[in-house]
Amino acid sequence: MERRFSSLTLREIAYNEAGLDYRYSPHSHNAYQWYCVVYGGVDQTVEGYVYNLGPEESLLIPPGVVRSPCAREKAPAYLFAVFDNHSLQLDAMCGRVLPTPRDLLPDLHALARELRRPEANTHEMVEALLVRLLIGLGRVVTQEERANPARASALNILPQQEVVERVEAFMRRNIQQDLSRQELADLVHLSPAHLARIFQQATGRTLISRLLELRMVQAKQLLLNSTLSITEVSLQVGYHSFSHFSRAFKEMVGVSPSDYRRSGGNTWRKPV
């Protein structure tokens, strides 16, 4: 049963105990999933990257991402919650193993007990415990990043690389479209501001400057290797205004599109 809470809508939550043959085929949800090992061990493969989860460790998986868990070394007991997020700040928690801090361990085990042995108002208790755990884990991550930003960046190198690769691949595939920061952020399940920070950290460039660069690389290839008119080239790389395209091209390349084509790709500047 779907129930609305002020911070989230809980779609599904369960506690399970499994054997060493525990394995689940690759799948995804169109909502967040918090997956927590209570005891034993689980390897959770997310988009090809394996997270090793031990007792009282969890992973927050964003919507649309393919995941596949299997038992590791010891038979696991685990719980998971699938939910729509409304107001919780979750971005920094994704893509990292989350050990449960000592002060939240009673809440984790209380949640497991409620799921194993439901009582009066179990739904309300489960939702309250889940929100408390998510907020508490998020605060720990934020405190760690403030205390040691270099270490936090090192921990997130692989996820940052994956984010950049996905965003750039999407830009290339859709270079002729109007692309907004929100659309790019939705692709990797981050807020626009968080994506902008990750992208600049990993590449040293803004999203807009990288998109402009990719547009001009494609434009140069079309100018030299196709018979498209310059107006058609501008449309192919996402500019609906020829004058806007021509101005942007000259600012970045140094010559107008027509001069670039005429010169066979020489980027000389006319003397003023």
C-alpha atoms as a PDB file:
ATOM      1  CA  MET A   1       0.000   0.000   0.000  1.00  0.00           C
ATOM      2  CA  GLU A   2       1.391   3.452  -0.930  1.00  0.00           C
ATOM      3  CA  ARG A   3       1.371   5.945   1.919  1.00  0.00           C
ATOM      4  CA  ARG A   4       2.281   9.640   1.737  1.00  0.00           C
ATOM      5  CA  PHE A   5       4.727  11.060   4.268  1.00  0.00           C
ATOM      6  CA  SER A   6       5.858  14.675   4.369  1.00  0.00           C
ATOM      7  CA  SER A   7       9.375  13.756   3.184  1.00  0.00           C
ATOM      8  CA  LEU A   8       8.751  10.717   0.992  1.00  0.00           C
ATOM      9  CA  THR A   9       6.192   8.314  -0.411  1.00  0.00           C
ATOM     10  CA  LEU A  10       7.037   4.777   0.636  1.00  0.00           C
ATOM     11  CA  ARG A  11       6.221   2.319  -2.159  1.00  0.00           C
ATOM     12  CA  GLU A  12       7.654  -0.888  -0.730  1.00  0.00           C
ATOM     13  CA  ILE A  13       9.705  -1.953   2.287  1.00  0.00           C
ATOM     14  CA  ALA A  14      10.700  -5.432   3.456  1.00  0.00           C
ATOM     15  CA  TYR A  15      13.085  -7.417   5.643  1.00  0.00           C
ATOM     16  CA  ASN A  16      14.421 -10.719   4.307  1.00  0.00           C
ATOM     17  CA  GLU A  17      16.818 -13.446   5.388  1.00  0.00           C
ATOM     18  CA  ALA A  18      18.574 -15.399   2.625  1.00  0.00           C
ATOM     19  CA  GLY A  19      21.089 -18.196   2.088  1.00  0.00           C
ATOM     20  CA  LEU A  20      24.456 -18.169   0.368  1.00  0.00           C
ATOM     21  CA  ASP A  21      22.653 -18.831  -2.926  1.00  0.00           C
ATOM     22  CA  TYR A  22      20.970 -15.408  -2.682  1.00  0.00           C
ATOM     23  CA  ARG A  23      21.182 -13.656  -6.029  1.00  0.00           C
ATOM     24  CA  TYR A  24      18.829 -11.288  -7.805  1.00  0.00           C
ATOM     25  CA  SER A  25      18.893 -10.679 -11.551  1.00  0.00           C
ATOM     26  CA  PRO A  26      19.675  -7.142 -12.831  1.00  0.00           C
ATOM     27  CA  HIS A  27      16.709  -4.790 -12.440  1.00  0.00           C
ATOM     28  CA  SER A  28      15.854  -1.159 -11.779  1.00  0.00           C
ATOM     29  CA  HIS A  29      13.176   0.941 -10.090  1.00  0.00           C
ATOM     30  CA  ASN A  30      11.800   4.319 -11.113  1.00  0.00           C
ATOM     31  CA  ALA A  31      12.218   5.450  -7.500  1.00  0.00           C
ATOM     32  CA  TYR A  32      14.985   5.561  -4.899  1.00  0.00           C
ATOM     33  CA  GLN A  33      16.001   2.326  -3.186  1.00  0.00           C
ATOM     34  CA  TRP A  34      17.767   2.174   0.160  1.00  0.00           C
ATOM     35  CA  TYR A  35      19.354  -1.278   0.584  1.00  0.00           C
ATOM     36  CA  CYS A  36      20.803  -2.222   3.969  1.00  0.00           C
ATOM     37  CA  VAL A  37      22.577  -5.397   5.126  1.00  0.00           C
ATOM     38  CA  VAL A  38      21.640  -6.233   8.718  1.00  0.00           C
ATOM     39  CA  TYR A  39      24.085  -9.144   9.027  1.00  0.00           C
ATOM     40  CA  GLY A  40      26.140 -11.269   6.637  1.00  0.00           C
ATOM     41  CA  GLY A  41      27.442  -9.837   3.389  1.00  0.00           C
ATOM     42  CA  VAL A  42      26.109  -8.740   0.001  1.00  0.00           C
ATOM     43  CA  ASP A  43      27.820  -7.645  -3.202  1.00  0.00           C
ATOM     44  CA  GLN A  44      25.540  -5.061  -4.787  1.00  0.00           C
ATOM     45  CA  THR A  45      26.434  -4.465  -8.446  1.00  0.00           C
ATOM     46  CA  VAL A  46      25.221  -1.058  -9.618  1.00  0.00           C
ATOM     47  CA  GLU A  47      25.764  -0.119 -13.275  1.00  0.00           C
ATOM     48  CA  GLY A  48      28.704  -2.557 -13.426  1.00  0.00           C
ATOM     49  CA  TYR A  49      30.415  -1.335 -10.234  1.00  0.00           C
ATOM     50  CA  VAL A  50      30.456  -3.704  -7.231  1.00  0.00           C
ATOM     51  CA  TYR A  51      29.806  -2.342  -3.739  1.00  0.00           C
ATOM     52  CA  ASN A  52      30.808  -4.730  -0.916  1.00  0.00           C
ATOM     53  CA  LEU A  53      28.263  -4.372   1.886  1.00  0.00           C
ATOM     54  CA  GLY A  54      28.946  -5.819   5.324  1.00  0.00           C
ATOM     55  CA  PRO A  55      26.824  -5.892   8.491  1.00  0.00           C
ATOM     56  CA  GLU A  56      24.968  -2.640   9.177  1.00  0.00           C
ATOM     57  CA  GLU A  57      26.136  -1.052   5.930  1.00  0.00           C
ATOM     58  CA  SER A  58      23.802   0.343   3.307  1.00  0.00           C
ATOM     59  CA  LEU A  59      23.640   1.821  -0.169  1.00  0.00           C
ATOM     60  CA  LEU A  60      21.282   4.428  -1.589  1.00  0.00           C
ATOM     61  CA  ILE A  61      20.512   3.736  -5.260  1.00  0.00           C
ATOM     62  CA  PRO A  62      18.912   6.488  -7.373  1.00  0.00           C
ATOM     63  CA  PRO A  63      15.945   5.903  -9.712  1.00  0.00           C
ATOM     64  CA  GLY A  64      16.456   4.149 -13.047  1.00  0.00           C
ATOM     65  CA  VAL A  65      19.848   2.656 -12.192  1.00  0.00           C
ATOM     66  CA  VAL A  66      20.377  -1.073 -12.839  1.00  0.00           C
ATOM     67  CA  ARG A  67      21.374  -3.079  -9.775  1.00  0.00           C
ATOM     68  CA  SER A  68      21.928  -6.763  -8.919  1.00  0.00           C
ATOM     69  CA  PRO A  69      22.651  -8.089  -5.392  1.00  0.00           C
ATOM     70  CA  CYS A  70      24.167 -11.442  -4.429  1.00  0.00           C
ATOM     71  CA  ALA A  71      25.357 -13.051  -1.185  1.00  0.00           C
ATOM     72  CA  ARG A  72      29.020 -12.619  -0.235  1.00  0.00           C
ATOM     73  CA  GLU A  73      30.867 -14.949   2.170  1.00  0.00           C
ATOM     74  CA  LYS A  74      28.070 -15.162   4.771  1.00  0.00           C
ATOM     75  CA  ALA A  75      24.329 -15.659   4.367  1.00  0.00           C
ATOM     76  CA  PRO A  76      22.713 -12.226   4.629  1.00  0.00           C
ATOM     77  CA  ALA A  77      19.747 -10.646   6.288  1.00  0.00           C
ATOM     78  CA  TYR A  78      18.830  -7.407   4.581  1.00  0.00           C
ATOM     79  CA  LEU A  79      16.112  -4.814   4.320  1.00  0.00           C
ATOM     80  CA  PHE A  80      15.216  -2.488   1.500  1.00  0.00           C
ATOM     81  CA  ALA A  81      12.902   0.443   0.961  1.00  0.00           C
ATOM     82  CA  VAL A  82      11.682   1.777  -2.390  1.00  0.00           C
ATOM     83  CA  PHE A  83      10.391   5.333  -2.167  1.00  0.00           C
ATOM     84  CA  ASP A  84       9.737   8.615  -3.959  1.00  0.00           C
ATOM     85  CA  ASN A  85      11.711  11.448  -2.428  1.00  0.00           C
ATOM     86  CA  HIS A  86       9.979  14.787  -1.858  1.00  0.00           C
ATOM     87  CA  SER A  87      12.274  16.869   0.309  1.00  0.00           C
ATOM     88  CA  LEU A  88      15.229  14.861   1.672  1.00  0.00           C
ATOM     89  CA  GLN A  89      18.727  15.898   0.558  1.00  0.00           C
ATOM     90  CA  LEU A  90      20.065  12.616  -0.831  1.00  0.00           C
ATOM     91  CA  ASP A  91      22.495  13.498  -3.640  1.00  0.00           C
ATOM     92  CA  ALA A  92      25.710  13.176  -1.621  1.00  0.00           C
ATOM     93  CA  MET A  93      24.684   9.751  -0.269  1.00  0.00           C
ATOM     94  CA  CYS A  94      24.429   8.020  -3.645  1.00  0.00           C
ATOM     95  CA  GLY A  95      27.317   5.945  -4.963  1.00  0.00           C
ATOM     96  CA  ARG A  96      29.025   5.176  -1.624  1.00  0.00           C
ATOM     97  CA  VAL A  97      28.822   2.519   1.086  1.00  0.00           C
ATOM     98  CA  LEU A  98      27.129   4.005   4.168  1.00  0.00           C
ATOM     99  CA  PRO A  99      28.164   2.475   7.531  1.00  0.00           C
ATOM    100  CA  THR A 100      25.470   2.955  10.149  1.00  0.00           C
ATOM    101  CA  PRO A 101      26.812   5.209  12.929  1.00  0.00           C
ATOM    102  CA  ARG A 102      26.509   3.939  16.490  1.00  0.00           C
ATOM    103  CA  ASP A 103      23.739   6.341  17.498  1.00  0.00           C
ATOM    104  CA  LEU A 104      21.542   5.112  14.609  1.00  0.00           C
ATOM    105  CA  LEU A 105      22.040   1.373  15.242  1.00  0.00           C
ATOM    106  CA  PRO A 106      19.042   1.141  17.629  1.00  0.00           C
ATOM    107  CA  ASP A 107      16.844   2.686  14.902  1.00  0.00           C
ATOM    108  CA  LEU A 108      18.122   0.250  12.276  1.00  0.00           C
ATOM    109  CA  HIS A 109      17.387  -2.766  14.454  1.00  0.00           C
ATOM    110  CA  ALA A 110      14.042  -1.309  15.541  1.00  0.00           C
ATOM    111  CA  LEU A 111      13.126  -0.989  11.850  1.00  0.00           C
ATOM    112  CA  ALA A 112      14.075  -4.628  11.229  1.00  0.00           C
ATOM    113  CA  ARG A 113      11.953  -5.707  14.237  1.00  0.00           C
ATOM    114  CA  GLU A 114       8.932  -3.726  13.047  1.00  0.00           C
ATOM    115  CA  LEU A 115       9.156  -5.383   9.633  1.00  0.00           C
ATOM    116  CA  ARG A 116       9.551  -8.861  11.127  1.00  0.00           C
ATOM    117  CA  ARG A 117       6.801  -8.469  13.744  1.00  0.00           C
ATOM    118  CA  PRO A 118       4.262  -5.766  12.797  1.00  0.00           C
ATOM    119  CA  GLU A 119       2.231  -4.240  15.627  1.00  0.00           C
ATOM    120  CA  ALA A 120      -0.237  -1.377  15.997  1.00  0.00           C
ATOM    121  CA  ASN A 121       0.782   1.646  13.888  1.00  0.00           C
ATOM    122  CA  THR A 122       3.637  -0.278  12.292  1.00  0.00           C
ATOM    123  CA  HIS A 123       3.281   1.679   9.023  1.00  0.00           C
ATOM    124  CA  GLU A 124       3.756   4.997  10.809  1.00  0.00           C
ATOM    125  CA  MET A 125       6.668   3.661  12.879  1.00  0.00           C
ATOM    126  CA  VAL A 126       8.401   2.196   9.820  1.00  0.00           C
ATOM    127  CA  GLU A 127       8.130   5.457   7.884  1.00  0.00           C
ATOM    128  CA  ALA A 128       9.393   7.491  10.843  1.00  0.00           C
ATOM    129  CA  LEU A 129      12.382   5.174  11.391  1.00  0.00           C
ATOM    130  CA  LEU A 130      13.251   5.169   7.690  1.00  0.00           C
ATOM    131  CA  VAL A 131      13.205   8.973   7.485  1.00  0.00           C
ATOM    132  CA  ARG A 132      15.322   9.236  10.652  1.00  0.00           C
ATOM    133  CA  LEU A 133      17.886   6.789   9.247  1.00  0.00           C
ATOM    134  CA  LEU A 134      18.115   8.554   5.884  1.00  0.00           C
ATOM    135  CA  ILE A 135      18.478  11.982   7.480  1.00  0.00           C
ATOM    136  CA  GLY A 136      21.051  10.673   9.961  1.00  0.00           C
ATOM    137  CA  LEU A 137      23.142   8.982   7.268  1.00  0.00           C
ATOM    138  CA  GLY A 138      22.972  12.108   5.131  1.00  0.00           C
ATOM    139  CA  ARG A 139      24.226  14.258   7.992  1.00  0.00           C
ATOM    140  CA  VAL A 140      27.170  11.923   8.585  1.00  0.00           C
ATOM    141  CA  VAL A 141      28.157  12.165   4.901  1.00  0.00           C
ATOM    142  CA  THR A 142      27.894  15.976   4.997  1.00  0.00           C
ATOM    143  CA  GLN A 143      30.013  16.169   8.166  1.00  0.00           C
ATOM    144  CA  GLU A 144      32.677  13.900   6.631  1.00  0.00           C
ATOM    145  CA  GLU A 145      32.854  16.003   3.486  1.00  0.00           C
ATOM    146  CA  ARG A 146      33.192  19.224   5.484  1.00  0.00           C
ATOM    147  CA  ALA A 147      35.875  17.730   7.729  1.00  0.00           C
ATOM    148  CA  ASN A 148      37.916  16.222   4.904  1.00  0.00           C
ATOM    149  CA  PRO A 149      36.896  17.427   1.426  1.00  0.00           C
ATOM    150  CA  ALA A 150      39.969  15.856  -0.226  1.00  0.00           C
ATOM    151  CA  ARG A 151      39.097  12.423   1.123  1.00  0.00           C
ATOM    152  CA  ALA A 152      35.437  12.861   0.145  1.00  0.00           C
ATOM    153  CA  SER A 153      36.499  13.707  -3.408  1.00  0.00           C
ATOM    154  CA  ALA A 154      38.770  10.650  -3.543  1.00  0.00           C
ATOM    155  CA  LEU A 155      35.958   8.398  -2.382  1.00  0.00           C
ATOM    156  CA  ASN A 156      33.751   9.681  -5.190  1.00  0.00           C
ATOM    157  CA  ILE A 157      36.215   9.607  -8.105  1.00  0.00           C
ATOM    158  CA  LEU A 158      34.579   6.655  -9.836  1.00  0.00           C
ATOM    159  CA  PRO A 159      30.993   7.908  -9.499  1.00  0.00           C
ATOM    160  CA  GLN A 160      32.107  11.348 -10.742  1.00  0.00           C
ATOM    161  CA  GLN A 161      33.760   9.799 -13.781  1.00  0.00           C
ATOM    162  CA  GLU A 162      30.618   7.807 -14.534  1.00  0.00           C
ATOM    163  CA  VAL A 163      28.474  10.936 -14.220  1.00  0.00           C
ATOM    164  CA  VAL A 164      30.729  12.883 -16.591  1.00  0.00           C
ATOM    165  CA  GLU A 165      30.837  10.055 -19.141  1.00  0.00           C
ATOM    166  CA  ARG A 166      27.057   9.672 -19.161  1.00  0.00           C
ATOM    167  CA  VAL A 167      26.390  13.372 -19.433  1.00  0.00           C
ATOM    168  CA  GLU A 168      28.910  13.886 -22.240  1.00  0.00           C
ATOM    169  CA  ALA A 169      27.612  10.857 -24.161  1.00  0.00           C
ATOM    170  CA  PHE A 170      24.072  12.249 -23.856  1.00  0.00           C
ATOM    171  CA  MET A 171      25.248  15.654 -25.062  1.00  0.00           C
ATOM    172  CA  ARG A 172      26.857  14.103 -28.137  1.00  0.00           C
ATOM    173  CA  ARG A 173      23.786  12.025 -28.964  1.00  0.00           C
ATOM    174  CA  ASN A 174      21.474  15.016 -28.624  1.00  0.00           C
ATOM    175  CA  ILE A 175      23.735  17.812 -29.840  1.00  0.00           C
ATOM    176  CA  GLN A 176      20.978  19.165 -32.124  1.00  0.00           C
ATOM    177  CA  GLN A 177      18.513  19.545 -29.229  1.00  0.00           C
ATOM    178  CA  ASP A 178      18.025  22.333 -26.708  1.00  0.00           C
ATOM    179  CA  LEU A 179      19.570  20.804 -23.575  1.00  0.00           C
ATOM    180  CA  SER A 180      18.875  22.246 -20.148  1.00  0.00           C
ATOM    181  CA  ARG A 181      20.798  21.674 -16.914  1.00  0.00           C
ATOM    182  CA  GLN A 182      17.648  20.106 -15.461  1.00  0.00           C
ATOM    183  CA  GLU A 183      17.461  17.567 -18.299  1.00  0.00           C
ATOM    184  CA  LEU A 184      21.128  16.628 -17.848  1.00  0.00           C
ATOM    185  CA  ALA A 185      20.669  16.376 -14.076  1.00  0.00           C
ATOM    186  CA  ASP A 186      17.622  14.125 -14.471  1.00  0.00           C
ATOM    187  CA  LEU A 187      19.743  11.795 -16.618  1.00  0.00           C
ATOM    188  CA  VAL A 188      22.065  11.009 -13.695  1.00  0.00           C
ATOM    189  CA  HIS A 189      19.478  11.471 -10.908  1.00  0.00           C
ATOM    190  CA  LEU A 190      21.135  14.518  -9.338  1.00  0.00           C
ATOM    191  CA  SER A 191      20.014  18.060  -8.691  1.00  0.00           C
ATOM    192  CA  PRO A 192      21.220  20.593 -11.305  1.00  0.00           C
ATOM    193  CA  ALA A 193      23.426  22.337  -8.739  1.00  0.00           C
ATOM    194  CA  HIS A 194      25.028  19.068  -7.571  1.00  0.00           C
ATOM    195  CA  LEU A 195      25.657  17.939 -11.148  1.00  0.00           C
ATOM    196  CA  ALA A 196      27.258  21.302 -11.952  1.00  0.00           C
ATOM    197  CA  ARG A 197      29.608  20.939  -8.962  1.00  0.00           C
ATOM    198  CA  ILE A 198      30.548  17.343  -9.847  1.00  0.00           C
ATOM    199  CA  PHE A 199      31.131  18.173 -13.501  1.00  0.00           C
ATOM    200  CA  GLN A 200      33.334  21.192 -12.742  1.00  0.00           C
ATOM    201  CA  GLN A 201      35.291  19.233 -10.108  1.00  0.00           C
ATOM    202  CA  ALA A 202      35.966  16.368 -12.507  1.00  0.00           C
ATOM    203  CA  THR A 203      36.640  18.317 -15.721  1.00  0.00           C
ATOM    204  CA  GLY A 204      37.555  21.858 -14.708  1.00  0.00           C
ATOM    205  CA  ARG A 205      34.812  23.139 -17.042  1.00  0.00           C
ATOM    206  CA  THR A 206      31.204  24.118 -16.669  1.00  0.00           C
ATOM    207  CA  LEU A 207      28.402  22.142 -18.278  1.00  0.00           C
ATOM    208  CA  ILE A 208      27.606  25.045 -20.605  1.00  0.00           C
ATOM    209  CA  SER A 209      31.209  25.504 -21.770  1.00  0.00           C
ATOM    210  CA  ARG A 210      31.582  21.770 -22.444  1.00  0.00           C
ATOM    211  CA  LEU A 211      28.306  21.643 -24.374  1.00  0.00           C
ATOM    212  CA  LEU A 212      29.419  24.639 -26.439  1.00  0.00           C
ATOM    213  CA  GLU A 213      32.744  22.941 -27.147  1.00  0.00           C
ATOM    214  CA  LEU A 214      31.029  19.746 -28.314  1.00  0.00           C
ATOM    215  CA  ARG A 215      28.693  21.762 -30.540  1.00  0.00           C
ATOM    216  CA  MET A 216      31.643  23.541 -32.191  1.00  0.00           C
ATOM    217  CA  VAL A 217      33.604  20.310 -32.694  1.00  0.00           C
ATOM    218  CA  GLN A 218      30.592  18.856 -34.496  1.00  0.00           C
ATOM    219  CA  ALA A 219      30.060  22.066 -36.456  1.00  0.00           C
ATOM    220  CA  LYS A 220      33.660  22.058 -37.688  1.00  0.00           C
ATOM    221  CA  GLN A 221      33.331  18.455 -38.845  1.00  0.00           C
ATOM    222  CA  LEU A 222      30.125  19.233 -40.734  1.00  0.00           C
ATOM    223  CA  LEU A 223      31.572  22.357 -42.336  1.00  0.00           C
ATOM    224  CA  LEU A 224      34.547  20.422 -43.678  1.00  0.00           C
ATOM    225  CA  ASN A 225      32.991  17.041 -44.455  1.00  0.00           C
ATOM    226  CA  SER A 226      29.437  17.758 -45.609  1.00  0.00           C
ATOM    227  CA  THR A 227      27.644  19.808 -48.240  1.00  0.00           C
ATOM    228  CA  LEU A 228      25.126  21.171 -45.732  1.00  0.00           C
ATOM    229  CA  SER A 229      24.550  24.898 -45.857  1.00  0.00           C
ATOM    230  CA  ILE A 230      25.804  26.861 -42.866  1.00  0.00           C
ATOM    231  CA  THR A 231      22.205  27.384 -41.765  1.00  0.00           C
ATOM    232  CA  GLU A 232      21.652  23.618 -41.866  1.00  0.00           C
ATOM    233  CA  VAL A 233      24.891  23.077 -39.941  1.00  0.00           C
ATOM    234  CA  SER A 234      23.696  25.477 -37.258  1.00  0.00           C
ATOM    235  CA  LEU A 235      20.458  23.483 -36.879  1.00  0.00           C
ATOM    236  CA  GLN A 236      22.388  20.206 -36.687  1.00  0.00           C
ATOM    237  CA  VAL A 237      24.357  21.449 -33.696  1.00  0.00           C
ATOM    238  CA  GLY A 238      21.442  22.932 -31.778  1.00  0.00           C
ATOM    239  CA  TYR A 239      21.262  26.559 -32.934  1.00  0.00           C
ATOM    240  CA  HIS A 240      17.924  27.779 -34.300  1.00  0.00           C
ATOM    241  CA  SER A 241      19.376  31.211 -34.993  1.00  0.00           C
ATOM    242  CA  PHE A 242      22.010  31.417 -37.733  1.00  0.00           C
ATOM    243  CA  SER A 243      23.341  34.721 -36.374  1.00  0.00           C
ATOM    244  CA  HIS A 244      23.681  33.265 -32.864  1.00  0.00           C
ATOM    245  CA  PHE A 245      25.558  30.235 -34.258  1.00  0.00           C
ATOM    246  CA  SER A 246      27.835  32.377 -36.406  1.00  0.00           C
ATOM    247  CA  ARG A 247      28.679  34.658 -33.492  1.00  0.00           C
ATOM    248  CA  ALA A 248      29.352  31.755 -31.098  1.00  0.00           C
ATOM    249  CA  PHE A 249      31.479  29.945 -33.706  1.00  0.00           C
ATOM    250  CA  LYS A 250      33.632  33.008 -34.378  1.00  0.00           C
ATOM    251  CA  GLU A 251      34.107  33.697 -30.662  1.00  0.00           C
ATOM    252  CA  MET A 252      35.330  30.146 -30.020  1.00  0.00           C
ATOM    253  CA  VAL A 253      37.149  29.264 -33.274  1.00  0.00           C
ATOM    254  CA  GLY A 254      38.433  32.674 -34.293  1.00  0.00           C
ATOM    255  CA  VAL A 255      36.885  32.873 -37.773  1.00  0.00           C
ATOM    256  CA  SER A 256      33.352  32.806 -39.174  1.00  0.00           C
ATOM    257  CA  PRO A 257      31.840  29.467 -40.275  1.00  0.00           C
ATOM    258  CA  SER A 258      32.049  30.474 -43.947  1.00  0.00           C
ATOM    259  CA  ASP A 259      35.729  31.492 -43.641  1.00  0.00           C
ATOM    260  CA  TYR A 260      36.495  28.254 -41.794  1.00  0.00           C
ATOM    261  CA  ARG A 261      34.922  26.182 -44.571  1.00  0.00           C
ATOM    262  CA  ARG A 262      36.567  28.254 -47.325  1.00  0.00           C
ATOM    263  CA  SER A 263      40.021  27.930 -45.769  1.00  0.00           C
ATOM    264  CA  GLY A 264      39.729  24.171 -45.244  1.00  0.00           C
ATOM    265  CA  GLY A 265      39.876  24.457 -41.488  1.00  0.00           C
ATOM    266  CA  ASN A 266      42.533  27.130 -41.049  1.00  0.00           C
ATOM    267  CA  THR A 267      41.722  29.213 -37.976  1.00  0.00           C
ATOM    268  CA  TRP A 268      43.517  32.407 -38.961  1.00  0.00           C
ATOM    269  CA  ARG A 269      42.176  35.736 -37.850  1.00  0.00           C
ATOM    270  CA  LYS A 270      41.671  38.621 -40.224  1.00  0.00           C
ATOM    271  CA  PRO A 271      43.689  41.699 -39.264  1.00  0.00           C
ATOM    272  CA  VAL A 272      41.572  44.450 -37.766  1.00  0.00           C
END
